[in-house]
Structures are given as C-alpha cells and as structure tokens.
Protein backbone atom coordinates (compact mmCIF):
# COMPACT_ATOMS: atom_id res chain seq x y z
CA UNK A 1 114.29 67.53 225.40
CA UNK A 2 116.85 65.83 227.61
CA UNK A 3 118.09 67.72 230.68
CA UNK A 4 121.14 66.75 232.73
CA UNK A 5 120.79 67.75 236.38
CA UNK A 6 124.10 68.36 238.11
CA UNK A 7 123.10 67.54 241.68
CA UNK A 8 125.22 69.11 244.43
CA UNK A 9 122.86 68.83 247.41
CA UNK A 10 121.78 65.97 249.63
CA UNK A 11 118.05 65.20 250.08
CA UNK A 12 116.07 67.56 252.31
CA UNK A 13 113.33 65.96 254.39
CA UNK A 14 113.28 63.04 251.98
CA UNK A 15 113.02 65.25 248.88
CA UNK A 16 115.87 65.27 246.42
CA UNK A 17 117.00 68.41 244.66
CA UNK A 18 116.59 66.83 241.19
CA UNK A 19 112.96 66.04 242.03
CA UNK A 20 112.45 69.67 243.08
CA UNK A 21 113.76 70.87 239.73
CA UNK A 22 111.63 68.37 237.83
CA UNK A 23 108.64 69.77 239.71
CA UNK A 24 109.78 73.31 238.90
CA UNK A 25 109.90 72.48 235.18
CA UNK A 26 106.40 70.94 235.41
CA UNK A 27 105.13 74.10 237.11
CA UNK A 28 106.77 76.18 234.41
CA UNK A 29 105.07 74.15 231.68
CA UNK A 30 101.72 74.68 233.38
CA UNK A 31 102.43 78.40 233.85
CA UNK A 32 103.12 78.67 230.11
CA UNK A 33 100.21 76.59 228.85
CA UNK A 34 98.43 79.69 227.48
CA UNK A 35 101.64 81.17 226.01
CA UNK A 36 103.45 78.18 224.53
CA UNK A 37 102.43 74.95 222.87
CA UNK A 38 103.52 72.72 225.73
CA UNK A 39 101.10 69.80 225.37
CA UNK A 40 103.47 67.81 223.15
CA UNK A 41 106.64 68.65 225.07
CA UNK A 42 108.48 65.56 226.30
CA UNK A 43 111.27 66.04 228.82
CA UNK A 44 113.63 63.38 230.13
CA UNK A 45 116.34 63.71 232.76
CA UNK A 46 119.74 62.34 233.63
CA UNK A 47 120.97 62.83 237.21
CA UNK A 48 124.67 63.27 238.01
CA UNK A 49 126.10 63.19 241.53
CA UNK A 50 128.66 65.92 241.09
CA UNK A 51 130.09 65.74 244.60
CA UNK A 52 131.26 62.24 243.62
CA UNK A 53 132.80 63.74 240.45
CA UNK A 54 130.09 62.19 238.30
CA UNK A 55 129.59 64.10 235.04
CA UNK A 56 128.35 63.18 231.55
CA UNK A 57 130.84 61.55 229.20
CA UNK A 58 128.97 62.69 226.08
CA UNK A 59 126.81 65.76 225.43
CA UNK A 60 125.36 64.84 222.04
CA UNK A 61 121.97 63.91 223.51
CA UNK A 62 121.87 66.65 226.17
CA UNK A 63 119.85 69.79 225.45
CA UNK A 64 120.29 71.59 228.77
CA UNK A 65 122.07 71.36 232.11
CA UNK A 66 120.57 72.39 235.45
CA UNK A 67 123.00 72.99 238.33
CA UNK A 68 121.51 72.79 241.81
CA UNK A 69 122.34 74.57 245.01
CA UNK A 70 125.00 73.39 247.45
CA UNK A 71 126.21 74.18 250.97
CA UNK A 72 129.70 74.55 249.49
CA UNK A 73 131.22 77.64 247.88
CA UNK A 74 132.45 77.85 244.31
CA UNK A 75 135.87 78.96 245.56
CA UNK A 76 136.30 75.87 247.76
CA UNK A 77 139.09 73.73 246.35
CA UNK A 78 137.23 70.42 246.50
CA UNK A 79 138.15 68.21 243.56
CA UNK A 80 134.57 68.03 242.30
CA UNK A 81 134.19 71.82 242.30
CA UNK A 82 137.43 72.24 240.37
CA UNK A 83 136.20 69.57 237.95
CA UNK A 84 132.84 71.28 237.51
CA UNK A 85 134.56 74.52 236.51
CA UNK A 86 136.39 72.57 233.80
CA UNK A 87 133.22 70.78 232.67
CA UNK A 88 131.19 73.98 232.37
CA UNK A 89 133.89 75.71 230.36
CA UNK A 90 134.11 72.69 228.05
CA UNK A 91 130.34 72.57 227.56
CA UNK A 92 130.06 76.31 226.99
CA UNK A 93 132.84 76.58 224.43
CA UNK A 94 132.61 73.18 222.73
CA UNK A 95 128.90 72.30 222.89
CA UNK A 96 127.09 75.52 221.94
CA UNK A 97 123.65 73.92 221.60
CA UNK A 98 123.55 72.98 225.32
CA UNK A 99 121.75 75.54 227.49
CA UNK A 100 122.92 76.20 231.04
CA UNK A 101 120.75 77.02 234.05
CA UNK A 102 121.88 77.36 237.65
CA UNK A 103 120.23 78.27 240.95
CA UNK A 104 122.12 79.74 243.94
CA UNK A 105 125.37 77.73 243.97
CA UNK A 106 124.63 76.84 240.35
CA UNK A 107 124.29 80.54 239.50
CA UNK A 108 127.57 81.28 241.24
CA UNK A 109 129.30 78.32 239.59
CA UNK A 110 128.34 79.43 236.09
CA UNK A 111 129.50 82.97 236.85
CA UNK A 112 132.80 81.72 238.26
CA UNK A 113 133.48 79.27 235.43
CA UNK A 114 132.51 81.46 232.49
CA UNK A 115 133.05 85.07 233.56
CA UNK A 116 136.12 85.09 235.79
CA UNK A 117 138.23 86.56 232.94
CA UNK A 118 135.84 89.53 232.87
CA UNK A 119 136.44 90.37 236.52
CA UNK A 120 133.33 88.61 237.83
CA UNK A 121 133.87 87.08 241.27
CA UNK A 122 132.05 85.00 243.88
CA UNK A 123 132.60 86.17 247.45
CA UNK A 124 130.94 86.56 250.83
CA UNK A 125 128.28 89.25 250.81
CA UNK A 126 129.29 91.98 253.29
CA UNK A 127 125.58 92.62 253.88
CA UNK A 128 125.24 89.13 255.33
CA UNK A 129 122.72 86.41 254.58
CA UNK A 130 119.67 86.67 252.34
CA UNK A 131 117.11 84.34 253.87
CA UNK A 132 113.49 83.54 253.19
CA UNK A 133 111.24 85.34 250.71
CA UNK A 134 112.53 88.55 249.14
CA UNK A 135 111.64 90.47 246.03
CA UNK A 136 113.84 90.88 242.97
CA UNK A 137 113.64 94.03 240.84
CA UNK A 138 114.11 92.75 237.30
CA UNK A 139 116.23 94.66 234.82
CA UNK A 140 114.28 95.98 231.80
CA UNK A 141 116.95 94.62 229.47
CA UNK A 142 116.39 91.11 230.82
CA UNK A 143 112.60 91.40 230.63
CA UNK A 144 112.81 92.60 227.04
CA UNK A 145 113.71 89.03 226.08
CA UNK A 146 110.49 87.73 227.67
CA UNK A 147 107.81 90.21 226.49
CA UNK A 148 105.03 87.65 226.95
CA UNK A 149 105.62 87.87 230.72
CA UNK A 150 105.28 91.65 230.87
CA UNK A 151 102.69 94.35 230.33
CA UNK A 152 102.47 98.10 230.80
CA UNK A 153 101.00 97.72 234.27
CA UNK A 154 103.12 94.72 235.31
CA UNK A 155 105.14 95.18 238.47
CA UNK A 156 108.77 94.43 237.68
CA UNK A 157 109.39 92.78 241.05
CA UNK A 158 108.77 89.13 241.84
CA UNK A 159 109.45 87.28 245.10
CA UNK A 160 111.27 84.01 245.65
CA UNK A 161 112.87 81.94 248.43
CA UNK A 162 116.52 82.55 249.32
CA UNK A 163 119.20 81.11 251.52
CA UNK A 164 122.71 82.29 250.66
CA UNK A 165 125.68 84.20 252.01
CA UNK A 166 127.94 84.12 248.92
CA UNK A 167 127.17 86.48 246.06
CA UNK A 168 128.32 87.19 242.51
CA UNK A 169 129.98 90.57 241.99
CA UNK A 170 130.14 92.17 238.53
CA UNK A 171 132.30 95.26 237.97
CA UNK A 172 130.48 98.00 236.05
CA UNK A 173 130.62 97.45 232.31
CA UNK A 174 132.55 94.20 232.58
CA UNK A 175 130.03 91.69 231.22
CA UNK A 176 130.29 90.53 227.59
CA UNK A 177 128.01 92.61 225.39
CA UNK A 178 125.30 89.95 225.04
CA UNK A 179 125.10 89.15 228.76
CA UNK A 180 122.90 91.00 231.23
CA UNK A 181 122.12 90.93 234.95
CA UNK A 182 118.66 89.49 235.64
CA UNK A 183 117.83 91.81 238.54
CA UNK A 184 118.82 93.06 241.95
CA UNK A 185 117.53 94.04 245.39
CA UNK A 186 118.85 95.83 248.46
CA UNK A 187 120.67 92.72 249.71
CA UNK A 188 122.27 91.48 246.50
CA UNK A 189 123.13 93.37 243.30
CA UNK A 190 123.35 90.32 241.03
CA UNK A 191 120.21 88.19 241.28
CA UNK A 192 120.96 86.23 238.16
CA UNK A 193 122.69 86.32 234.79
CA UNK A 194 121.36 85.87 231.27
CA UNK A 195 122.76 85.29 227.81
CA UNK A 196 120.02 84.78 225.19
CA UNK A 197 119.44 81.16 224.19
CA UNK A 198 122.43 79.99 226.19
CA UNK A 199 122.60 80.87 229.90
CA UNK A 200 120.08 81.70 232.63
CA UNK A 201 120.80 81.81 236.35
CA UNK A 202 118.85 82.70 239.51
CA UNK A 203 120.39 83.54 242.85
CA UNK A 204 117.11 82.53 244.47
CA UNK A 205 115.53 79.10 244.93
CA UNK A 206 112.35 78.92 242.87
CA UNK A 207 112.60 75.14 243.26
CA UNK A 208 112.13 75.47 247.05
CA UNK A 209 108.87 75.81 248.93
CA UNK A 210 108.72 77.29 252.42
CA UNK A 211 108.96 73.89 254.10
CA UNK A 212 112.24 73.19 252.30
CA UNK A 213 113.75 76.55 253.22
CA UNK A 214 112.67 76.18 256.85
CA UNK A 215 114.11 72.65 257.03
CA UNK A 216 117.49 73.95 255.85
CA UNK A 217 117.35 76.84 258.32
CA UNK A 218 116.56 74.44 261.14
CA UNK A 219 119.47 72.19 260.17
CA UNK A 220 122.03 74.99 259.86
CA UNK A 221 120.63 77.04 262.76
CA UNK A 222 123.06 79.94 262.46
CA UNK A 223 123.16 82.35 265.41
CA UNK A 224 123.55 85.16 262.85
CA UNK A 225 119.90 84.84 261.82
CA UNK A 226 117.26 86.99 263.46
CA UNK A 227 113.68 85.99 264.24
CA UNK A 228 112.56 87.96 261.18
CA UNK A 229 115.05 86.05 259.03
CA UNK A 230 113.71 82.73 260.21
CA UNK A 231 110.08 83.74 259.67
CA UNK A 232 110.64 85.27 256.21
CA UNK A 233 110.31 81.85 254.56
CA UNK A 234 106.59 81.83 255.46
CA UNK A 235 105.78 84.73 253.13
CA UNK A 236 104.07 84.09 249.75
CA UNK A 237 106.33 83.98 246.71
CA UNK A 238 106.17 84.01 242.92
CA UNK A 239 108.06 80.79 242.29
CA UNK A 240 105.75 79.79 239.43
CA UNK A 241 106.70 82.95 237.55
CA UNK A 242 110.39 82.04 237.83
CA UNK A 243 109.54 78.51 236.71
CA UNK A 244 107.67 79.92 233.72
CA UNK A 245 110.63 82.03 232.63
CA UNK A 246 112.93 79.00 233.00
CA UNK A 247 110.72 76.88 230.75
CA UNK A 248 110.45 79.64 228.15
CA UNK A 249 114.26 79.83 228.19
CA UNK A 250 114.65 76.05 227.85
CA UNK A 251 112.13 75.69 225.03
CA UNK A 252 112.77 78.98 223.24
C-alpha cells in the first residue's frame, strides 16, 4: 500500500506531522494484529508540502491520502487551500480506488470539498474551543461497519486529543445516503464522517500525544483557554483504538 500524506503543518518540537501519522498507522497495525493478517502488510509513503502547493501529479500508484491538521481554516482563501479543494474533488470523482482520510483540518477539508453542495459547512464553533482529551460518542451506524471493534458490553465512547475551534456542520438529513457521521459530543456534533471503503475523517487528533497537544497550546497561548482546558491534554486517551479503526479502513 502506498499512502500520500498531504502535510499542512510545520514540525512540532522537532516531530513532523507525517511522522506522527506513520506512527499512528504502525500503532493501528499493532492494535489489529489479532483481528487482521497484518504481518505481510507493506506500507510506503509519499510526503507532499501542500502549503507550497505541492500535490501528486499522478494517482495510479496511490492507494490512500492522509490529510493532516493545520492552523489555517478551510475557508481561508490561500492559494494552496483553494488548490486542495480542487485536488480532493478530482481524486474523489476521477480516482475512485483512492481512499481519503483526514484529521481535524483534514476532516474539515474533505467535508468542505466533497459535501458543500449538500449544505455541509465549516465554520467557527459557537461553543468555543475543544481542547485536550474529550470523549466521542460513536454513532451505531458507523460502528456497524466495524463489528470486530464492538461487543455487547462495549462502551460506545472513546477519548482522543483535540485542539480546534472550527467545526463541520451538517443539516439534518442532508448527507448522501451512504455517508454517516462518525460520532458527536457536547462540544461538537460532527466528530468525523464516513463513507464505506472511500472516506474516513476524525475531528480529533489520534496522531497526537499529550506532549504534542501541550506544545501547541503553549505556542498559541490563547487567553480564551481556562486552566482546565490547558490541563485536559494530560488525561488518558484511546488513540490506539482510533488508529486501529483507521488501519481497518485503509486495508479493508
């Protein structure tokens, strides 16, 4: 499998976002070792600096695209963001074998590029920032596509790191029939989007650990954040579960 990583974020404390996603895929393979035959899986990567308008020129050898987070918003009119909208629409409609995954900005970018005609929008969340570790209540329809991750006594909430102010909004009944919302919580109603065998997105950052989240918080240092906000990143999370679902999606 060859994965193109659309990188939209500068290194954080010496760690690059592509390396974080490579690590996330490795964790997902390990998480799935008792569920999938992962021992013979070979994954290679191509890295594209999207903020410099660097995108693939051919998709024949690409099996999946991962879109990283970014401090920018999908509705910013930077040339590279406009170009990415065009690229994602081209890939989705003209290269149907390529799977798409996005986290945070990547989630919002996929929603903006592919679902705008259905009334889906990206906008500031009136509830403010979602920061640190929070739980996501998964939708049963989404989980039905991953039965190996569920059981009768399985709690349908899993925690992950967050740092975002923008959100995706989906009018009731507006999604195409084969799309579903991944989950929600009290702070954000759309915690991801899913189309079987084609698209998966997370609003959260399963690629981040607490040190990464805290480094970003320290750099941005918004006066809008409370002490509880800043300390929320220290809570335990279920990032490996999210990684496992991602790998099942990529390999399924």
